[in-house]
């Protein structure tokens, strides 16, 4: 049964696929996602520590106030 599934769908159906060029993304994808997430978090934390938060402009603040006023009961 396993042989049939591998012949039909490839090594991607295995829990531990062999390390080949065709399965490289299966093996390195989670590592790349983890490293990318760590880099993003470190950069975000450093930006917040430096105070580089995006302040809304006056127009965005006015629109937000308007939307908040619409949600209030009369």
PDB file of N, CA and C in Angstrom:
ATOM      1  N   UNK A   1       0.816  -1.187   0.000  1.00  0.00           N
ATOM      2  CA  UNK A   1       0.000   0.000   0.000  1.00  0.00           C
ATOM      3  C   UNK A   1       0.871   1.269   0.000  1.00  0.00           C
ATOM      4  N   UNK A   2       1.920   1.267   0.805  1.00  0.00           N
ATOM      5  CA  UNK A   2       2.800   2.433   0.858  1.00  0.00           C
ATOM      6  C   UNK A   2       3.499   2.607  -0.483  1.00  0.00           C
ATOM      7  N   UNK A   3       3.941   1.521  -1.075  1.00  0.00           N
ATOM      8  CA  UNK A   3       4.621   1.589  -2.366  1.00  0.00           C
ATOM      9  C   UNK A   3       3.705   2.186  -3.427  1.00  0.00           C
ATOM     10  N   UNK A   4       2.425   1.774  -3.416  1.00  0.00           N
ATOM     11  CA  UNK A   4       1.457   2.326  -4.364  1.00  0.00           C
ATOM     12  C   UNK A   4       1.310   3.830  -4.184  1.00  0.00           C
ATOM     13  N   UNK A   5       1.191   4.278  -2.943  1.00  0.00           N
ATOM     14  CA  UNK A   5       1.024   5.707  -2.666  1.00  0.00           C
ATOM     15  C   UNK A   5       2.259   6.494  -3.106  1.00  0.00           C
ATOM     16  N   UNK A   6       3.448   5.961  -2.866  1.00  0.00           N
ATOM     17  CA  UNK A   6       4.675   6.640  -3.267  1.00  0.00           C
ATOM     18  C   UNK A   6       4.790   6.674  -4.785  1.00  0.00           C
ATOM     19  N   UNK A   7       4.431   5.578  -5.451  1.00  0.00           N
ATOM     20  CA  UNK A   7       4.491   5.559  -6.912  1.00  0.00           C
ATOM     21  C   UNK A   7       3.505   6.547  -7.513  1.00  0.00           C
ATOM     22  N   UNK A   8       2.350   6.665  -6.897  1.00  0.00           N
ATOM     23  CA  UNK A   8       1.321   7.539  -7.448  1.00  0.00           C
ATOM     24  C   UNK A   8       1.537   9.015  -7.100  1.00  0.00           C
ATOM     25  N   UNK A   9       1.886   9.307  -5.839  1.00  0.00           N
ATOM     26  CA  UNK A   9       1.953  10.695  -5.381  1.00  0.00           C
ATOM     27  C   UNK A   9       3.368  11.184  -5.085  1.00  0.00           C
ATOM     28  N   UNK A  10       4.330  10.297  -5.073  1.00  0.00           N
ATOM     29  CA  UNK A  10       5.709  10.705  -4.815  1.00  0.00           C
ATOM     30  C   UNK A  10       6.076  10.587  -3.342  1.00  0.00           C
ATOM     31  N   UNK A  11       7.290  10.989  -3.037  1.00  0.00           N
ATOM     32  CA  UNK A  11       7.814  10.870  -1.672  1.00  0.00           C
ATOM     33  C   UNK A  11       7.137  11.812  -0.687  1.00  0.00           C
ATOM     34  N   UNK A  12       6.314  12.738  -1.164  1.00  0.00           N
ATOM     35  CA  UNK A  12       5.684  13.719  -0.293  1.00  0.00           C
ATOM     36  C   UNK A  12       4.670  13.091   0.662  1.00  0.00           C
ATOM     37  N   UNK A  13       4.210  11.868   0.391  1.00  0.00           N
ATOM     38  CA  UNK A  13       3.212  11.235   1.242  1.00  0.00           C
ATOM     39  C   UNK A  13       3.842  10.496   2.415  1.00  0.00           C
ATOM     40  N   UNK A  14       5.149  10.397   2.448  1.00  0.00           N
ATOM     41  CA  UNK A  14       5.829   9.689   3.521  1.00  0.00           C
ATOM     42  C   UNK A  14       6.030  10.593   4.733  1.00  0.00           C
ATOM     43  N   UNK A  15       6.024   9.986   5.919  1.00  0.00           N
ATOM     44  CA  UNK A  15       6.289  10.757   7.134  1.00  0.00           C
ATOM     45  C   UNK A  15       7.742  11.203   7.191  1.00  0.00           C
ATOM     46  N   UNK A  16       8.648  10.373   6.709  1.00  0.00           N
ATOM     47  CA  UNK A  16      10.063  10.711   6.669  1.00  0.00           C
ATOM     48  C   UNK A  16      10.566  10.464   5.254  1.00  0.00           C
ATOM     49  N   UNK A  17      10.325  11.426   4.355  1.00  0.00           N
ATOM     50  CA  UNK A  17      10.747  11.245   2.959  1.00  0.00           C
ATOM     51  C   UNK A  17      12.275  11.241   2.865  1.00  0.00           C
ATOM     52  N   UNK A  18      12.804  10.570   1.862  1.00  0.00           N
ATOM     53  CA  UNK A  18      14.259  10.568   1.692  1.00  0.00           C
ATOM     54  C   UNK A  18      14.745  11.971   1.327  1.00  0.00           C
ATOM     55  N   UNK A  19      15.984  12.263   1.704  1.00  0.00           N
ATOM     56  CA  UNK A  19      16.561  13.579   1.420  1.00  0.00           C
ATOM     57  C   UNK A  19      17.058  13.583  -0.012  1.00  0.00           C
ATOM     58  N   UNK A  20      16.275  14.188  -0.897  1.00  0.00           N
ATOM     59  CA  UNK A  20      16.605  14.294  -2.318  1.00  0.00           C
ATOM     60  C   UNK A  20      16.344  15.729  -2.766  1.00  0.00           C
ATOM     61  N   UNK A  21      16.755  16.022  -3.991  1.00  0.00           N
ATOM     62  CA  UNK A  21      16.519  17.359  -4.528  1.00  0.00           C
ATOM     63  C   UNK A  21      15.026  17.645  -4.635  1.00  0.00           C
ATOM     64  N   UNK A  22      14.231  16.623  -4.957  1.00  0.00           N
ATOM     65  CA  UNK A  22      12.789  16.828  -5.110  1.00  0.00           C
ATOM     66  C   UNK A  22      12.078  17.035  -3.775  1.00  0.00           C
ATOM     67  N   UNK A  23      12.681  16.605  -2.674  1.00  0.00           N
ATOM     68  CA  UNK A  23      12.058  16.775  -1.359  1.00  0.00           C
ATOM     69  C   UNK A  23      12.797  17.803  -0.505  1.00  0.00           C
ATOM     70  N   UNK A  24      13.640  18.592  -1.134  1.00  0.00           N
ATOM     71  CA  UNK A  24      14.423  19.586  -0.400  1.00  0.00           C
ATOM     72  C   UNK A  24      13.524  20.589   0.327  1.00  0.00           C
ATOM     73  N   UNK A  25      12.452  20.993  -0.305  1.00  0.00           N
ATOM     74  CA  UNK A  25      11.534  21.948   0.334  1.00  0.00           C
ATOM     75  C   UNK A  25      10.869  21.342   1.567  1.00  0.00           C
ATOM     76  N   UNK A  26      10.604  20.050   1.543  1.00  0.00           N
ATOM     77  CA  UNK A  26      10.005  19.395   2.706  1.00  0.00           C
ATOM     78  C   UNK A  26      10.952  19.414   3.896  1.00  0.00           C
ATOM     79  N   UNK A  27      12.226  19.265   3.628  1.00  0.00           N
ATOM     80  CA  UNK A  27      13.207  19.217   4.703  1.00  0.00           C
ATOM     81  C   UNK A  27      13.640  20.606   5.159  1.00  0.00           C
ATOM     82  N   UNK A  28      13.801  21.533   4.236  1.00  0.00           N
ATOM     83  CA  UNK A  28      14.336  22.843   4.591  1.00  0.00           C
ATOM     84  C   UNK A  28      13.260  23.911   4.778  1.00  0.00           C
ATOM     85  N   UNK A  29      12.045  23.653   4.303  1.00  0.00           N
ATOM     86  CA  UNK A  29      10.964  24.626   4.426  1.00  0.00           C
ATOM     87  C   UNK A  29      10.664  25.028   5.863  1.00  0.00           C
ATOM     88  N   UNK A  30      10.462  24.084   6.765  1.00  0.00           N
ATOM     89  CA  UNK A  30      10.188  24.471   8.154  1.00  0.00           C
ATOM     90  C   UNK A  30      11.339  25.252   8.792  1.00  0.00           C
ATOM     91  N   UNK A  31      12.558  24.886   8.450  1.00  0.00           N
ATOM     92  CA  UNK A  31      13.717  25.613   8.970  1.00  0.00           C
ATOM     93  C   UNK A  31      13.737  27.043   8.449  1.00  0.00           C
ATOM     94  N   UNK A  32      13.439  27.221   7.179  1.00  0.00           N
ATOM     95  CA  UNK A  32      13.406  28.566   6.585  1.00  0.00           C
ATOM     96  C   UNK A  32      12.298  29.411   7.209  1.00  0.00           C
ATOM     97  N   UNK A  33      11.153  28.813   7.457  1.00  0.00           N
ATOM     98  CA  UNK A  33      10.054  29.539   8.089  1.00  0.00           C
ATOM     99  C   UNK A  33      10.424  29.938   9.514  1.00  0.00           C
ATOM    100  N   UNK A  34      11.059  29.045  10.260  1.00  0.00           N
ATOM    101  CA  UNK A  34      11.468  29.353  11.628  1.00  0.00           C
ATOM    102  C   UNK A  34      12.498  30.471  11.659  1.00  0.00           C
ATOM    103  N   UNK A  35      13.494  30.407  10.788  1.00  0.00           N
ATOM    104  CA  UNK A  35      14.523  31.452  10.748  1.00  0.00           C
ATOM    105  C   UNK A  35      13.913  32.782  10.336  1.00  0.00           C
ATOM    106  N   UNK A  36      13.043  32.764   9.334  1.00  0.00           N
ATOM    107  CA  UNK A  36      12.373  33.987   8.909  1.00  0.00           C
ATOM    108  C   UNK A  36      11.531  34.598  10.020  1.00  0.00           C
ATOM    109  N   UNK A  37      10.843  33.765  10.775  1.00  0.00           N
ATOM    110  CA  UNK A  37      10.028  34.257  11.883  1.00  0.00           C
ATOM    111  C   UNK A  37      10.884  34.883  12.972  1.00  0.00           C
ATOM    112  N   UNK A  38      11.993  34.250  13.284  1.00  0.00           N
ATOM    113  CA  UNK A  38      12.894  34.789  14.301  1.00  0.00           C
ATOM    114  C   UNK A  38      13.471  36.127  13.854  1.00  0.00           C
ATOM    115  N   UNK A  39      13.898  36.215  12.607  1.00  0.00           N
ATOM    116  CA  UNK A  39      14.437  37.476  12.082  1.00  0.00           C
ATOM    117  C   UNK A  39      13.375  38.567  12.136  1.00  0.00           C
ATOM    118  N   UNK A  40      12.149  38.247  11.737  1.00  0.00           N
ATOM    119  CA  UNK A  40      11.059  39.224  11.785  1.00  0.00           C
ATOM    120  C   UNK A  40      10.818  39.705  13.213  1.00  0.00           C
ATOM    121  N   UNK A  41      10.753  38.774  14.160  1.00  0.00           N
ATOM    122  CA  UNK A  41      10.481  39.155  15.541  1.00  0.00           C
ATOM    123  C   UNK A  41      11.599  40.013  16.124  1.00  0.00           C
ATOM    124  N   UNK A  42      12.852  39.655  15.846  1.00  0.00           N
ATOM    125  CA  UNK A  42      13.975  40.440  16.359  1.00  0.00           C
ATOM    126  C   UNK A  42      13.937  41.853  15.789  1.00  0.00           C
ATOM    127  N   UNK A  43      13.696  41.974  14.487  1.00  0.00           N
ATOM    128  CA  UNK A  43      13.635  43.302  13.872  1.00  0.00           C
ATOM    129  C   UNK A  43      12.464  44.108  14.422  1.00  0.00           C
ATOM    130  N   UNK A  44      11.332  43.462  14.630  1.00  0.00           N
ATOM    131  CA  UNK A  44      10.152  44.152  15.157  1.00  0.00           C
ATOM    132  C   UNK A  44      10.389  44.621  16.590  1.00  0.00           C
ATOM    133  N   UNK A  45      10.975  43.776  17.415  1.00  0.00           N
ATOM    134  CA  UNK A  45      11.250  44.138  18.808  1.00  0.00           C
ATOM    135  C   UNK A  45      12.247  45.285  18.870  1.00  0.00           C
ATOM    136  N   UNK A  46      13.270  45.252  18.038  1.00  0.00           N
ATOM    137  CA  UNK A  46      14.251  46.344  18.019  1.00  0.00           C
ATOM    138  C   UNK A  46      13.616  47.651  17.566  1.00  0.00           C
ATOM    139  N   UNK A  47      12.738  47.584  16.577  1.00  0.00           N
ATOM    140  CA  UNK A  47      12.063  48.799  16.102  1.00  0.00           C
ATOM    141  C   UNK A  47      11.168  49.374  17.192  1.00  0.00           C
ATOM    142  N   UNK A  48      10.473  48.528  17.910  1.00  0.00           N
ATOM    143  CA  UNK A  48       9.614  49.002  18.994  1.00  0.00           C
ATOM    144  C   UNK A  48      10.438  49.594  20.128  1.00  0.00           C
ATOM    145  N   UNK A  49      11.601  49.000  20.402  1.00  0.00           N
ATOM    146  CA  UNK A  49      12.457  49.516  21.461  1.00  0.00           C
ATOM    147  C   UNK A  49      13.009  50.891  21.098  1.00  0.00           C
ATOM    148  N   UNK A  50      13.237  51.155  19.818  1.00  0.00           N
ATOM    149  CA  UNK A  50      13.729  52.456  19.365  1.00  0.00           C
ATOM    150  C   UNK A  50      12.600  53.470  19.227  1.00  0.00           C
ATOM    151  N   UNK A  51      11.375  53.033  19.384  1.00  0.00           N
ATOM    152  CA  UNK A  51      10.242  53.940  19.273  1.00  0.00           C
ATOM    153  C   UNK A  51       9.817  54.193  17.847  1.00  0.00           C
ATOM    154  N   UNK A  52      10.103  53.277  16.960  1.00  0.00           N
ATOM    155  CA  UNK A  52       9.747  53.434  15.551  1.00  0.00           C
ATOM    156  C   UNK A  52       8.369  52.846  15.274  1.00  0.00           C
ATOM    157  N   UNK A  53       7.391  53.346  15.974  1.00  0.00           N
ATOM    158  CA  UNK A  53       6.030  52.889  15.699  1.00  0.00           C
ATOM    159  C   UNK A  53       5.381  53.891  14.769  1.00  0.00           C
ATOM    160  N   UNK A  54       4.570  53.399  13.911  1.00  0.00           N
ATOM    161  CA  UNK A  54       3.915  54.265  12.931  1.00  0.00           C
ATOM    162  C   UNK A  54       2.739  54.969  13.591  1.00  0.00           C
ATOM    163  N   UNK A  55       2.829  56.266  13.690  1.00  0.00           N
ATOM    164  CA  UNK A  55       1.733  57.054  14.245  1.00  0.00           C
ATOM    165  C   UNK A  55       0.741  57.364  13.124  1.00  0.00           C
ATOM    166  N   UNK A  56      -0.546  57.277  13.395  1.00  0.00           N
ATOM    167  CA  UNK A  56      -1.525  57.569  12.345  1.00  0.00           C
ATOM    168  C   UNK A  56      -1.500  59.048  11.996  1.00  0.00           C
ATOM    169  N   UNK A  57      -1.735  59.334  10.728  1.00  0.00           N
ATOM    170  CA  UNK A  57      -1.803  60.728  10.313  1.00  0.00           C
ATOM    171  C   UNK A  57      -3.153  61.324  10.741  1.00  0.00           C
ATOM    172  N   UNK A  58      -3.322  62.595  10.556  1.00  0.00           N
ATOM    173  CA  UNK A  58      -4.527  63.287  11.024  1.00  0.00           C
ATOM    174  C   UNK A  58      -5.781  62.755  10.346  1.00  0.00           C
ATOM    175  N   UNK A  59      -5.689  62.455   9.065  1.00  0.00           N
ATOM    176  CA  UNK A  59      -6.861  61.948   8.339  1.00  0.00           C
ATOM    177  C   UNK A  59      -7.280  60.583   8.864  1.00  0.00           C
ATOM    178  N   UNK A  60      -6.328  59.719   9.119  1.00  0.00           N
ATOM    179  CA  UNK A  60      -6.648  58.392   9.647  1.00  0.00           C
ATOM    180  C   UNK A  60      -7.255  58.501  11.037  1.00  0.00           C
ATOM    181  N   UNK A  61      -6.751  59.409  11.848  1.00  0.00           N
ATOM    182  CA  UNK A  61      -7.307  59.611  13.184  1.00  0.00           C
ATOM    183  C   UNK A  61      -8.741  60.143  13.100  1.00  0.00           C
ATOM    184  N   UNK A  62      -9.004  61.053  12.159  1.00  0.00           N
ATOM    185  CA  UNK A  62     -10.343  61.584  12.003  1.00  0.00           C
ATOM    186  C   UNK A  62     -11.317  60.497  11.573  1.00  0.00           C
ATOM    187  N   UNK A  63     -10.904  59.641  10.626  1.00  0.00           N
ATOM    188  CA  UNK A  63     -11.770  58.549  10.172  1.00  0.00           C
ATOM    189  C   UNK A  63     -12.036  57.558  11.301  1.00  0.00           C
ATOM    190  N   UNK A  64     -11.030  57.260  12.105  1.00  0.00           N
ATOM    191  CA  UNK A  64     -11.211  56.337  13.229  1.00  0.00           C
ATOM    192  C   UNK A  64     -12.188  56.915  14.244  1.00  0.00           C
ATOM    193  N   UNK A  65     -12.049  58.195  14.547  1.00  0.00           N
ATOM    194  CA  UNK A  65     -12.981  58.829  15.477  1.00  0.00           C
ATOM    195  C   UNK A  65     -14.404  58.778  14.935  1.00  0.00           C
ATOM    196  N   UNK A  66     -14.562  59.011  13.642  1.00  0.00           N
ATOM    197  CA  UNK A  66     -15.882  58.964  13.015  1.00  0.00           C
ATOM    198  C   UNK A  66     -16.483  57.556  13.131  1.00  0.00           C
ATOM    199  N   UNK A  67     -15.685  56.535  12.849  1.00  0.00           N
ATOM    200  CA  UNK A  67     -16.177  55.163  12.935  1.00  0.00           C
ATOM    201  C   UNK A  67     -16.535  54.792  14.377  1.00  0.00           C
ATOM    202  N   UNK A  68     -15.748  55.270  15.319  1.00  0.00           N
ATOM    203  CA  UNK A  68     -16.058  54.981  16.720  1.00  0.00           C
ATOM    204  C   UNK A  68     -17.346  55.673  17.151  1.00  0.00           C
ATOM    205  N   UNK A  69     -17.595  56.877  16.634  1.00  0.00           N
ATOM    206  CA  UNK A  69     -18.830  57.582  16.948  1.00  0.00           C
ATOM    207  C   UNK A  69     -20.046  56.854  16.363  1.00  0.00           C
ATOM    208  N   UNK A  70     -19.878  56.212  15.214  1.00  0.00           N
ATOM    209  CA  UNK A  70     -21.001  55.490  14.602  1.00  0.00           C
ATOM    210  C   UNK A  70     -21.410  54.295  15.444  1.00  0.00           C
ATOM    211  N   UNK A  71     -20.489  53.710  16.171  1.00  0.00           N
ATOM    212  CA  UNK A  71     -20.786  52.530  16.956  1.00  0.00           C
ATOM    213  C   UNK A  71     -21.450  52.814  18.293  1.00  0.00           C
ATOM    214  N   UNK A  72     -21.483  54.063  18.691  1.00  0.00           N
ATOM    215  CA  UNK A  72     -22.080  54.408  19.980  1.00  0.00           C
ATOM    216  C   UNK A  72     -23.596  54.480  19.853  1.00  0.00           C
ATOM    217  N   UNK A  73     -24.245  54.043  20.875  1.00  0.00           N
ATOM    218  CA  UNK A  73     -25.708  54.126  20.912  1.00  0.00           C
ATOM    219  C   UNK A  73     -26.126  55.552  21.232  1.00  0.00           C
ATOM    220  N   UNK A  74     -27.187  56.049  20.594  1.00  0.00           N
ATOM    221  CA  UNK A  74     -27.622  57.436  20.837  1.00  0.00           C
ATOM    222  C   UNK A  74     -28.223  57.631  22.200  1.00  0.00           C
TER     223      UNK A  74
END
